[in-house]
């Protein structure tokens, strides 16, 4: 695998780890809602994940990552539709999809 792609995969992994660190062990939606700085930090990490995924796609579209298009679309929604972000949807992604993506990226990095 190309070193540039590995760098982007590492960036994704690092952003996922950061989101998990921001949320702590409790993963409490009400705490997330009440903390604007945390929400903004999580949104920024989603921007990084989506941008890195977009760059991977441009370099090698044959790399299999589930929900690749949805991840890139999420980035676009966060950046361009910042005023329409649904915190419940973001939370759902954190809880349901981020753990699977973390495993997938870890497998690709070996």
PDB file of N, CA and C in Angstrom:
ATOM      1  N   UNK A   1       0.842  -1.181   0.000  1.00  0.00           N
ATOM      2  CA  UNK A   1       0.000   0.000   0.000  1.00  0.00           C
ATOM      3  C   UNK A   1       0.890   1.248   0.000  1.00  0.00           C
ATOM      4  N   UNK A   2       0.482   2.218  -0.745  1.00  0.00           N
ATOM      5  CA  UNK A   2       1.191   3.493  -0.895  1.00  0.00           C
ATOM      6  C   UNK A   2       1.314   4.202   0.456  1.00  0.00           C
ATOM      7  N   UNK A   3       2.462   4.820   0.705  1.00  0.00           N
ATOM      8  CA  UNK A   3       2.702   5.511   1.982  1.00  0.00           C
ATOM      9  C   UNK A   3       1.740   6.675   2.203  1.00  0.00           C
ATOM     10  N   UNK A   4       1.356   7.351   1.135  1.00  0.00           N
ATOM     11  CA  UNK A   4       0.423   8.473   1.263  1.00  0.00           C
ATOM     12  C   UNK A   4      -0.946   7.967   1.742  1.00  0.00           C
ATOM     13  N   UNK A   5      -1.373   6.835   1.214  1.00  0.00           N
ATOM     14  CA  UNK A   5      -2.638   6.245   1.638  1.00  0.00           C
ATOM     15  C   UNK A   5      -2.542   5.817   3.099  1.00  0.00           C
ATOM     16  N   UNK A   6      -1.422   5.221   3.482  1.00  0.00           N
ATOM     17  CA  UNK A   6      -1.230   4.836   4.882  1.00  0.00           C
ATOM     18  C   UNK A   6      -1.317   6.053   5.799  1.00  0.00           C
ATOM     19  N   UNK A   7      -0.770   7.177   5.358  1.00  0.00           N
ATOM     20  CA  UNK A   7      -0.823   8.409   6.153  1.00  0.00           C
ATOM     21  C   UNK A   7      -2.273   8.842   6.359  1.00  0.00           C
ATOM     22  N   UNK A   8      -3.082   8.776   5.302  1.00  0.00           N
ATOM     23  CA  UNK A   8      -4.489   9.158   5.423  1.00  0.00           C
ATOM     24  C   UNK A   8      -5.256   8.181   6.309  1.00  0.00           C
ATOM     25  N   UNK A   9      -4.952   6.896   6.195  1.00  0.00           N
ATOM     26  CA  UNK A   9      -5.576   5.904   7.073  1.00  0.00           C
ATOM     27  C   UNK A   9      -5.213   6.180   8.533  1.00  0.00           C
ATOM     28  N   UNK A  10      -3.955   6.533   8.756  1.00  0.00           N
ATOM     29  CA  UNK A  10      -3.521   6.872  10.115  1.00  0.00           C
ATOM     30  C   UNK A  10      -4.262   8.111  10.610  1.00  0.00           C
ATOM     31  N   UNK A  11      -4.448   9.104   9.740  1.00  0.00           N
ATOM     32  CA  UNK A  11      -5.195  10.309  10.125  1.00  0.00           C
ATOM     33  C   UNK A  11      -6.616   9.957  10.551  1.00  0.00           C
ATOM     34  N   UNK A  12      -7.249   9.046   9.806  1.00  0.00           N
ATOM     35  CA  UNK A  12      -8.604   8.606  10.149  1.00  0.00           C
ATOM     36  C   UNK A  12      -8.594   7.918  11.512  1.00  0.00           C
ATOM     37  N   UNK A  13      -7.649   7.021  11.691  1.00  0.00           N
ATOM     38  CA  UNK A  13      -7.528   6.302  12.959  1.00  0.00           C
ATOM     39  C   UNK A  13      -7.323   7.272  14.125  1.00  0.00           C
ATOM     40  N   UNK A  14      -6.473   8.243  13.924  1.00  0.00           N
ATOM     41  CA  UNK A  14      -6.188   9.230  14.960  1.00  0.00           C
ATOM     42  C   UNK A  14      -7.433  10.067  15.289  1.00  0.00           C
ATOM     43  N   UNK A  15      -8.213  10.430  14.275  1.00  0.00           N
ATOM     44  CA  UNK A  15      -9.433  11.207  14.513  1.00  0.00           C
ATOM     45  C   UNK A  15     -10.474  10.388  15.261  1.00  0.00           C
ATOM     46  N   UNK A  16     -10.595   9.106  14.926  1.00  0.00           N
ATOM     47  CA  UNK A  16     -11.524   8.237  15.649  1.00  0.00           C
ATOM     48  C   UNK A  16     -11.096   8.142  17.113  1.00  0.00           C
ATOM     49  N   UNK A  17      -9.809   7.945  17.337  1.00  0.00           N
ATOM     50  CA  UNK A  17      -9.296   7.875  18.711  1.00  0.00           C
ATOM     51  C   UNK A  17      -9.564   9.181  19.459  1.00  0.00           C
ATOM     52  N   UNK A  18      -9.412  10.298  18.774  1.00  0.00           N
ATOM     53  CA  UNK A  18      -9.666  11.603  19.406  1.00  0.00           C
ATOM     54  C   UNK A  18     -11.130  11.740  19.804  1.00  0.00           C
ATOM     55  N   UNK A  19     -12.039  11.348  18.912  1.00  0.00           N
ATOM     56  CA  UNK A  19     -13.471  11.421  19.237  1.00  0.00           C
ATOM     57  C   UNK A  19     -13.763  10.582  20.475  1.00  0.00           C
ATOM     58  N   UNK A  20     -13.223   9.381  20.502  1.00  0.00           N
ATOM     59  CA  UNK A  20     -13.457   8.513  21.657  1.00  0.00           C
ATOM     60  C   UNK A  20     -12.872   9.116  22.927  1.00  0.00           C
ATOM     61  N   UNK A  21     -11.734   9.764  22.811  1.00  0.00           N
ATOM     62  CA  UNK A  21     -11.116  10.410  23.976  1.00  0.00           C
ATOM     63  C   UNK A  21     -11.969  11.588  24.454  1.00  0.00           C
ATOM     64  N   UNK A  22     -12.465  12.395  23.522  1.00  0.00           N
ATOM     65  CA  UNK A  22     -13.300  13.537  23.900  1.00  0.00           C
ATOM     66  C   UNK A  22     -14.528  13.080  24.684  1.00  0.00           C
ATOM     67  N   UNK A  23     -15.121  11.969  24.254  1.00  0.00           N
ATOM     68  CA  UNK A  23     -16.358  11.495  24.855  1.00  0.00           C
ATOM     69  C   UNK A  23     -16.140  10.791  26.184  1.00  0.00           C
ATOM     70  N   UNK A  24     -14.941  10.270  26.404  1.00  0.00           N
ATOM     71  CA  UNK A  24     -14.648   9.570  27.645  1.00  0.00           C
ATOM     72  C   UNK A  24     -15.333   8.216  27.703  1.00  0.00           C
ATOM     73  N   UNK A  25     -15.302   7.625  28.865  1.00  0.00           N
ATOM     74  CA  UNK A  25     -15.844   6.280  29.048  1.00  0.00           C
ATOM     75  C   UNK A  25     -17.368   6.238  29.064  1.00  0.00           C
ATOM     76  N   UNK A  26     -18.001   7.333  29.435  1.00  0.00           N
ATOM     77  CA  UNK A  26     -19.451   7.328  29.640  1.00  0.00           C
ATOM     78  C   UNK A  26     -20.238   7.379  28.335  1.00  0.00           C
ATOM     79  N   UNK A  27     -19.716   8.035  27.337  1.00  0.00           N
ATOM     80  CA  UNK A  27     -20.447   8.208  26.075  1.00  0.00           C
ATOM     81  C   UNK A  27     -21.886   8.646  26.355  1.00  0.00           C
ATOM     82  N   UNK A  28     -22.028   9.797  26.979  1.00  0.00           N
ATOM     83  CA  UNK A  28     -23.324  10.309  27.401  1.00  0.00           C
ATOM     84  C   UNK A  28     -23.799  11.381  26.417  1.00  0.00           C
ATOM     85  N   UNK A  29     -24.922  11.108  25.741  1.00  0.00           N
ATOM     86  CA  UNK A  29     -25.459  12.029  24.748  1.00  0.00           C
ATOM     87  C   UNK A  29     -25.790  13.388  25.359  1.00  0.00           C
ATOM     88  N   UNK A  30     -26.319  13.406  26.569  1.00  0.00           N
ATOM     89  CA  UNK A  30     -26.679  14.682  27.204  1.00  0.00           C
ATOM     90  C   UNK A  30     -25.449  15.528  27.511  1.00  0.00           C
ATOM     91  N   UNK A  31     -24.365  14.891  27.900  1.00  0.00           N
ATOM     92  CA  UNK A  31     -23.103  15.605  28.122  1.00  0.00           C
ATOM     93  C   UNK A  31     -22.614  16.174  26.786  1.00  0.00           C
ATOM     94  N   UNK A  32     -22.707  15.368  25.739  1.00  0.00           N
ATOM     95  CA  UNK A  32     -22.315  15.807  24.400  1.00  0.00           C
ATOM     96  C   UNK A  32     -23.128  17.030  23.974  1.00  0.00           C
ATOM     97  N   UNK A  33     -24.430  16.960  24.154  1.00  0.00           N
ATOM     98  CA  UNK A  33     -25.305  18.080  23.770  1.00  0.00           C
ATOM     99  C   UNK A  33     -24.983  19.355  24.537  1.00  0.00           C
ATOM    100  N   UNK A  34     -24.648  19.223  25.796  1.00  0.00           N
ATOM    101  CA  UNK A  34     -24.426  20.382  26.662  1.00  0.00           C
ATOM    102  C   UNK A  34     -23.073  21.039  26.444  1.00  0.00           C
ATOM    103  N   UNK A  35     -22.169  20.375  25.746  1.00  0.00           N
ATOM    104  CA  UNK A  35     -20.800  20.876  25.609  1.00  0.00           C
ATOM    105  C   UNK A  35     -20.509  21.274  24.161  1.00  0.00           C
ATOM    106  N   UNK A  36     -20.704  22.557  23.873  1.00  0.00           N
ATOM    107  CA  UNK A  36     -20.512  23.059  22.507  1.00  0.00           C
ATOM    108  C   UNK A  36     -19.091  22.821  22.020  1.00  0.00           C
ATOM    109  N   UNK A  37     -18.101  23.010  22.880  1.00  0.00           N
ATOM    110  CA  UNK A  37     -16.713  22.816  22.466  1.00  0.00           C
ATOM    111  C   UNK A  37     -16.477  21.351  22.068  1.00  0.00           C
ATOM    112  N   UNK A  38     -17.050  20.426  22.809  1.00  0.00           N
ATOM    113  CA  UNK A  38     -16.909  19.015  22.476  1.00  0.00           C
ATOM    114  C   UNK A  38     -17.574  18.718  21.127  1.00  0.00           C
ATOM    115  N   UNK A  39     -18.774  19.251  20.925  1.00  0.00           N
ATOM    116  CA  UNK A  39     -19.467  19.021  19.653  1.00  0.00           C
ATOM    117  C   UNK A  39     -18.650  19.549  18.488  1.00  0.00           C
ATOM    118  N   UNK A  40     -18.097  20.731  18.643  1.00  0.00           N
ATOM    119  CA  UNK A  40     -17.281  21.316  17.571  1.00  0.00           C
ATOM    120  C   UNK A  40     -16.017  20.498  17.322  1.00  0.00           C
ATOM    121  N   UNK A  41     -15.418  20.003  18.387  1.00  0.00           N
ATOM    122  CA  UNK A  41     -14.217  19.175  18.247  1.00  0.00           C
ATOM    123  C   UNK A  41     -14.554  17.883  17.505  1.00  0.00           C
ATOM    124  N   UNK A  42     -15.667  17.260  17.851  1.00  0.00           N
ATOM    125  CA  UNK A  42     -16.093  16.030  17.176  1.00  0.00           C
ATOM    126  C   UNK A  42     -16.385  16.317  15.707  1.00  0.00           C
ATOM    127  N   UNK A  43     -17.066  17.419  15.436  1.00  0.00           N
ATOM    128  CA  UNK A  43     -17.363  17.784  14.050  1.00  0.00           C
ATOM    129  C   UNK A  43     -16.080  17.975  13.252  1.00  0.00           C
ATOM    130  N   UNK A  44     -15.083  18.598  13.852  1.00  0.00           N
ATOM    131  CA  UNK A  44     -13.793  18.796  13.177  1.00  0.00           C
ATOM    132  C   UNK A  44     -13.149  17.451  12.853  1.00  0.00           C
ATOM    133  N   UNK A  45     -13.215  16.516  13.793  1.00  0.00           N
ATOM    134  CA  UNK A  45     -12.639  15.185  13.540  1.00  0.00           C
ATOM    135  C   UNK A  45     -13.371  14.495  12.398  1.00  0.00           C
ATOM    136  N   UNK A  46     -14.696  14.683  12.303  1.00  0.00           N
ATOM    137  CA  UNK A  46     -15.438  14.116  11.170  1.00  0.00           C
ATOM    138  C   UNK A  46     -15.019  14.767   9.854  1.00  0.00           C
ATOM    139  N   UNK A  47     -14.703  16.053   9.888  1.00  0.00           N
ATOM    140  CA  UNK A  47     -14.186  16.718   8.689  1.00  0.00           C
ATOM    141  C   UNK A  47     -12.884  16.058   8.241  1.00  0.00           C
ATOM    142  N   UNK A  48     -11.995  15.817   9.193  1.00  0.00           N
ATOM    143  CA  UNK A  48     -10.703  15.202   8.887  1.00  0.00           C
ATOM    144  C   UNK A  48     -10.907  13.790   8.340  1.00  0.00           C
ATOM    145  N   UNK A  49     -11.768  13.013   8.985  1.00  0.00           N
ATOM    146  CA  UNK A  49     -12.047  11.646   8.524  1.00  0.00           C
ATOM    147  C   UNK A  49     -12.561  11.664   7.084  1.00  0.00           C
ATOM    148  N   UNK A  50     -13.513  12.530   6.815  1.00  0.00           N
ATOM    149  CA  UNK A  50     -14.097  12.611   5.470  1.00  0.00           C
ATOM    150  C   UNK A  50     -13.117  13.088   4.424  1.00  0.00           C
ATOM    151  N   UNK A  51     -12.308  14.063   4.776  1.00  0.00           N
ATOM    152  CA  UNK A  51     -11.307  14.582   3.825  1.00  0.00           C
ATOM    153  C   UNK A  51     -10.252  13.522   3.531  1.00  0.00           C
ATOM    154  N   UNK A  52      -9.778  12.841   4.558  1.00  0.00           N
ATOM    155  CA  UNK A  52      -8.794  11.777   4.357  1.00  0.00           C
ATOM    156  C   UNK A  52      -9.386  10.664   3.494  1.00  0.00           C
ATOM    157  N   UNK A  53     -10.641  10.329   3.739  1.00  0.00           N
ATOM    158  CA  UNK A  53     -11.311   9.292   2.951  1.00  0.00           C
ATOM    159  C   UNK A  53     -11.429   9.726   1.485  1.00  0.00           C
ATOM    160  N   UNK A  54     -11.747  10.977   1.266  1.00  0.00           N
ATOM    161  CA  UNK A  54     -11.841  11.511  -0.094  1.00  0.00           C
ATOM    162  C   UNK A  54     -10.494  11.421  -0.818  1.00  0.00           C
ATOM    163  N   UNK A  55      -9.430  11.734  -0.111  1.00  0.00           N
ATOM    164  CA  UNK A  55      -8.101  11.670  -0.715  1.00  0.00           C
ATOM    165  C   UNK A  55      -7.701  10.227  -1.011  1.00  0.00           C
ATOM    166  N   UNK A  56      -8.055   9.308  -0.123  1.00  0.00           N
ATOM    167  CA  UNK A  56      -7.784   7.889  -0.383  1.00  0.00           C
ATOM    168  C   UNK A  56      -8.527   7.449  -1.632  1.00  0.00           C
ATOM    169  N   UNK A  57      -9.785   7.828  -1.733  1.00  0.00           N
ATOM    170  CA  UNK A  57     -10.614   7.469  -2.893  1.00  0.00           C
ATOM    171  C   UNK A  57      -9.992   7.974  -4.189  1.00  0.00           C
ATOM    172  N   UNK A  58      -9.451   9.183  -4.175  1.00  0.00           N
ATOM    173  CA  UNK A  58      -8.825   9.748  -5.381  1.00  0.00           C
ATOM    174  C   UNK A  58      -7.533   9.022  -5.738  1.00  0.00           C
ATOM    175  N   UNK A  59      -6.793   8.581  -4.728  1.00  0.00           N
ATOM    176  CA  UNK A  59      -5.527   7.893  -4.976  1.00  0.00           C
ATOM    177  C   UNK A  59      -5.721   6.442  -5.407  1.00  0.00           C
ATOM    178  N   UNK A  60      -6.707   5.772  -4.795  1.00  0.00           N
ATOM    179  CA  UNK A  60      -6.934   4.355  -5.104  1.00  0.00           C
ATOM    180  C   UNK A  60      -8.365   3.982  -4.754  1.00  0.00           C
ATOM    181  N   UNK A  61      -9.234   4.041  -5.742  1.00  0.00           N
ATOM    182  CA  UNK A  61     -10.654   3.775  -5.505  1.00  0.00           C
ATOM    183  C   UNK A  61     -10.947   2.299  -5.259  1.00  0.00           C
ATOM    184  N   UNK A  62      -9.944   1.437  -5.416  1.00  0.00           N
ATOM    185  CA  UNK A  62     -10.167   0.002  -5.191  1.00  0.00           C
ATOM    186  C   UNK A  62     -10.045  -0.390  -3.716  1.00  0.00           C
ATOM    187  N   UNK A  63      -9.580   0.516  -2.882  1.00  0.00           N
ATOM    188  CA  UNK A  63      -9.474   0.202  -1.448  1.00  0.00           C
ATOM    189  C   UNK A  63     -10.886   0.089  -0.876  1.00  0.00           C
ATOM    190  N   UNK A  64     -11.152  -1.070  -0.294  1.00  0.00           N
ATOM    191  CA  UNK A  64     -12.486  -1.369   0.229  1.00  0.00           C
ATOM    192  C   UNK A  64     -12.653  -0.838   1.643  1.00  0.00           C
ATOM    193  N   UNK A  65     -13.519   0.150   1.776  1.00  0.00           N
ATOM    194  CA  UNK A  65     -13.908   0.673   3.080  1.00  0.00           C
ATOM    195  C   UNK A  65     -15.424   0.841   3.034  1.00  0.00           C
ATOM    196  N   UNK A  66     -16.101   0.163   3.945  1.00  0.00           N
ATOM    197  CA  UNK A  66     -17.570   0.239   3.973  1.00  0.00           C
ATOM    198  C   UNK A  66     -18.004   1.689   4.198  1.00  0.00           C
ATOM    199  N   UNK A  67     -19.059   2.051   3.552  1.00  0.00           N
ATOM    200  CA  UNK A  67     -19.656   3.384   3.731  1.00  0.00           C
ATOM    201  C   UNK A  67     -18.731   4.520   3.323  1.00  0.00           C
ATOM    202  N   UNK A  68     -17.819   4.255   2.416  1.00  0.00           N
ATOM    203  CA  UNK A  68     -16.857   5.282   1.983  1.00  0.00           C
ATOM    204  C   UNK A  68     -17.571   6.542   1.478  1.00  0.00           C
ATOM    205  N   UNK A  69     -18.570   6.353   0.631  1.00  0.00           N
ATOM    206  CA  UNK A  69     -19.291   7.513   0.074  1.00  0.00           C
ATOM    207  C   UNK A  69     -20.040   8.274   1.166  1.00  0.00           C
ATOM    208  N   UNK A  70     -20.651   7.551   2.103  1.00  0.00           N
ATOM    209  CA  UNK A  70     -21.390   8.202   3.182  1.00  0.00           C
ATOM    210  C   UNK A  70     -20.458   8.992   4.088  1.00  0.00           C
ATOM    211  N   UNK A  71     -19.256   8.480   4.293  1.00  0.00           N
ATOM    212  CA  UNK A  71     -18.276   9.175   5.129  1.00  0.00           C
ATOM    213  C   UNK A  71     -17.873  10.495   4.473  1.00  0.00           C
ATOM    214  N   UNK A  72     -17.636  10.450   3.177  1.00  0.00           N
ATOM    215  CA  UNK A  72     -17.278  11.670   2.434  1.00  0.00           C
ATOM    216  C   UNK A  72     -18.457  12.644   2.440  1.00  0.00           C
ATOM    217  N   UNK A  73     -19.666  12.133   2.272  1.00  0.00           N
ATOM    218  CA  UNK A  73     -20.857  12.987   2.309  1.00  0.00           C
ATOM    219  C   UNK A  73     -21.044  13.641   3.672  1.00  0.00           C
ATOM    220  N   UNK A  74     -20.739  12.890   4.719  1.00  0.00           N
ATOM    221  CA  UNK A  74     -20.825  13.441   6.086  1.00  0.00           C
ATOM    222  C   UNK A  74     -19.898  14.637   6.223  1.00  0.00           C
ATOM    223  N   UNK A  75     -18.691  14.517   5.718  1.00  0.00           N
ATOM    224  CA  UNK A  75     -17.727  15.621   5.755  1.00  0.00           C
ATOM    225  C   UNK A  75     -18.309  16.847   5.067  1.00  0.00           C
ATOM    226  N   UNK A  76     -18.904  16.643   3.911  1.00  0.00           N
ATOM    227  CA  UNK A  76     -19.472  17.764   3.159  1.00  0.00           C
ATOM    228  C   UNK A  76     -20.626  18.414   3.914  1.00  0.00           C
ATOM    229  N   UNK A  77     -21.445  17.594   4.565  1.00  0.00           N
ATOM    230  CA  UNK A  77     -22.562  18.145   5.349  1.00  0.00           C
ATOM    231  C   UNK A  77     -22.051  18.958   6.528  1.00  0.00           C
ATOM    232  N   UNK A  78     -21.022  18.466   7.200  1.00  0.00           N
ATOM    233  CA  UNK A  78     -20.486  19.174   8.365  1.00  0.00           C
ATOM    234  C   UNK A  78     -19.893  20.513   7.936  1.00  0.00           C
ATOM    235  N   UNK A  79     -19.168  20.511   6.828  1.00  0.00           N
ATOM    236  CA  UNK A  79     -18.509  21.739   6.381  1.00  0.00           C
ATOM    237  C   UNK A  79     -19.510  22.728   5.776  1.00  0.00           C
ATOM    238  N   UNK A  80     -20.327  22.261   4.863  1.00  0.00           N
ATOM    239  CA  UNK A  80     -21.186  23.175   4.119  1.00  0.00           C
ATOM    240  C   UNK A  80     -22.550  23.407   4.764  1.00  0.00           C
ATOM    241  N   UNK A  81     -22.959  22.482   5.611  1.00  0.00           N
ATOM    242  CA  UNK A  81     -24.259  22.631   6.262  1.00  0.00           C
ATOM    243  C   UNK A  81     -24.121  22.742   7.764  1.00  0.00           C
ATOM    244  N   UNK A  82     -23.077  23.449   8.192  1.00  0.00           N
ATOM    245  CA  UNK A  82     -22.771  23.549   9.620  1.00  0.00           C
ATOM    246  C   UNK A  82     -23.970  23.992  10.451  1.00  0.00           C
ATOM    247  N   UNK A  83     -24.849  24.772   9.858  1.00  0.00           N
ATOM    248  CA  UNK A  83     -25.993  25.300  10.585  1.00  0.00           C
ATOM    249  C   UNK A  83     -27.174  24.327  10.621  1.00  0.00           C
ATOM    250  N   UNK A  84     -27.025  23.184   9.954  1.00  0.00           N
ATOM    251  CA  UNK A  84     -28.110  22.203   9.897  1.00  0.00           C
ATOM    252  C   UNK A  84     -27.677  20.843  10.437  1.00  0.00           C
ATOM    253  N   UNK A  85     -26.635  20.819  11.233  1.00  0.00           N
ATOM    254  CA  UNK A  85     -26.131  19.562  11.769  1.00  0.00           C
ATOM    255  C   UNK A  85     -27.108  19.033  12.815  1.00  0.00           C
ATOM    256  N   UNK A  86     -27.495  17.778  12.651  1.00  0.00           N
ATOM    257  CA  UNK A  86     -28.398  17.116  13.578  1.00  0.00           C
ATOM    258  C   UNK A  86     -27.558  16.320  14.576  1.00  0.00           C
ATOM    259  N   UNK A  87     -27.546  16.778  15.817  1.00  0.00           N
ATOM    260  CA  UNK A  87     -26.709  16.143  16.839  1.00  0.00           C
ATOM    261  C   UNK A  87     -27.085  14.689  17.090  1.00  0.00           C
ATOM    262  N   UNK A  88     -28.354  14.351  16.919  1.00  0.00           N
ATOM    263  CA  UNK A  88     -28.773  12.956  17.098  1.00  0.00           C
ATOM    264  C   UNK A  88     -28.191  12.063  16.006  1.00  0.00           C
ATOM    265  N   UNK A  89     -28.111  12.565  14.797  1.00  0.00           N
ATOM    266  CA  UNK A  89     -27.516  11.791  13.702  1.00  0.00           C
ATOM    267  C   UNK A  89     -26.026  11.618  13.947  1.00  0.00           C
ATOM    268  N   UNK A  90     -25.353  12.687  14.337  1.00  0.00           N
ATOM    269  CA  UNK A  90     -23.918  12.607  14.644  1.00  0.00           C
ATOM    270  C   UNK A  90     -23.696  11.586  15.754  1.00  0.00           C
ATOM    271  N   UNK A  91     -24.520  11.646  16.788  1.00  0.00           N
ATOM    272  CA  UNK A  91     -24.381  10.703  17.903  1.00  0.00           C
ATOM    273  C   UNK A  91     -24.591   9.262  17.429  1.00  0.00           C
ATOM    274  N   UNK A  92     -25.575   9.059  16.577  1.00  0.00           N
ATOM    275  CA  UNK A  92     -25.840   7.728  16.038  1.00  0.00           C
ATOM    276  C   UNK A  92     -24.645   7.188  15.264  1.00  0.00           C
ATOM    277  N   UNK A  93     -24.001   8.049  14.510  1.00  0.00           N
ATOM    278  CA  UNK A  93     -22.806   7.653  13.765  1.00  0.00           C
ATOM    279  C   UNK A  93     -21.689   7.283  14.729  1.00  0.00           C
ATOM    280  N   UNK A  94     -21.529   8.085  15.766  1.00  0.00           N
ATOM    281  CA  UNK A  94     -20.487   7.811  16.772  1.00  0.00           C
ATOM    282  C   UNK A  94     -20.710   6.438  17.403  1.00  0.00           C
ATOM    283  N   UNK A  95     -21.928   6.163  17.788  1.00  0.00           N
ATOM    284  CA  UNK A  95     -22.236   4.938  18.524  1.00  0.00           C
ATOM    285  C   UNK A  95     -22.274   3.711  17.612  1.00  0.00           C
ATOM    286  N   UNK A  96     -22.899   3.838  16.430  1.00  0.00           N
ATOM    287  CA  UNK A  96     -23.120   2.667  15.588  1.00  0.00           C
ATOM    288  C   UNK A  96     -22.041   2.425  14.544  1.00  0.00           C
ATOM    289  N   UNK A  97     -21.461   3.469  13.992  1.00  0.00           N
ATOM    290  CA  UNK A  97     -20.583   3.283  12.839  1.00  0.00           C
ATOM    291  C   UNK A  97     -19.097   3.489  13.118  1.00  0.00           C
ATOM    292  N   UNK A  98     -18.785   4.336  14.074  1.00  0.00           N
ATOM    293  CA  UNK A  98     -17.370   4.620  14.344  1.00  0.00           C
ATOM    294  C   UNK A  98     -16.585   3.399  14.820  1.00  0.00           C
ATOM    295  N   UNK A  99     -17.137   2.560  15.694  1.00  0.00           N
ATOM    296  CA  UNK A  99     -16.378   1.370  16.111  1.00  0.00           C
ATOM    297  C   UNK A  99     -16.045   0.448  14.933  1.00  0.00           C
ATOM    298  N   UNK A 100     -16.983   0.265  14.020  1.00  0.00           N
ATOM    299  CA  UNK A 100     -16.733  -0.591  12.848  1.00  0.00           C
ATOM    300  C   UNK A 100     -15.671   0.025  11.948  1.00  0.00           C
ATOM    301  N   UNK A 101     -15.732   1.345  11.766  1.00  0.00           N
ATOM    302  CA  UNK A 101     -14.735   2.016  10.937  1.00  0.00           C
ATOM    303  C   UNK A 101     -13.350   1.894  11.573  1.00  0.00           C
ATOM    304  N   UNK A 102     -13.285   2.017  12.879  1.00  0.00           N
ATOM    305  CA  UNK A 102     -12.006   1.888  13.585  1.00  0.00           C
ATOM    306  C   UNK A 102     -11.402   0.500  13.336  1.00  0.00           C
ATOM    307  N   UNK A 103     -12.213  -0.522  13.415  1.00  0.00           N
ATOM    308  CA  UNK A 103     -11.748  -1.885  13.163  1.00  0.00           C
ATOM    309  C   UNK A 103     -11.272  -2.025  11.719  1.00  0.00           C
ATOM    310  N   UNK A 104     -12.051  -1.506  10.801  1.00  0.00           N
ATOM    311  CA  UNK A 104     -11.701  -1.594   9.377  1.00  0.00           C
ATOM    312  C   UNK A 104     -10.376  -0.903   9.076  1.00  0.00           C
ATOM    313  N   UNK A 105     -10.200   0.283   9.608  1.00  0.00           N
ATOM    314  CA  UNK A 105      -8.969   1.044   9.372  1.00  0.00           C
ATOM    315  C   UNK A 105      -7.783   0.314  10.025  1.00  0.00           C
ATOM    316  N   UNK A 106      -7.988  -0.191  11.219  1.00  0.00           N
ATOM    317  CA  UNK A 106      -6.936  -0.960  11.897  1.00  0.00           C
ATOM    318  C   UNK A 106      -6.506  -2.167  11.072  1.00  0.00           C
ATOM    319  N   UNK A 107      -7.470  -2.850  10.472  1.00  0.00           N
ATOM    320  CA  UNK A 107      -7.155  -4.004   9.625  1.00  0.00           C
ATOM    321  C   UNK A 107      -6.357  -3.593   8.384  1.00  0.00           C
ATOM    322  N   UNK A 108      -6.715  -2.458   7.805  1.00  0.00           N
ATOM    323  CA  UNK A 108      -5.991  -1.982   6.619  1.00  0.00           C
ATOM    324  C   UNK A 108      -4.558  -1.578   6.959  1.00  0.00           C
ATOM    325  N   UNK A 109      -4.387  -1.001   8.134  1.00  0.00           N
ATOM    326  CA  UNK A 109      -3.048  -0.586   8.553  1.00  0.00           C
ATOM    327  C   UNK A 109      -2.213  -1.775   9.022  1.00  0.00           C
ATOM    328  N   UNK A 110      -2.901  -2.862   9.361  1.00  0.00           N
ATOM    329  CA  UNK A 110      -2.186  -4.084   9.767  1.00  0.00           C
ATOM    330  C   UNK A 110      -1.661  -3.980  11.121  1.00  0.00           C
TER     331      UNK A 110
END
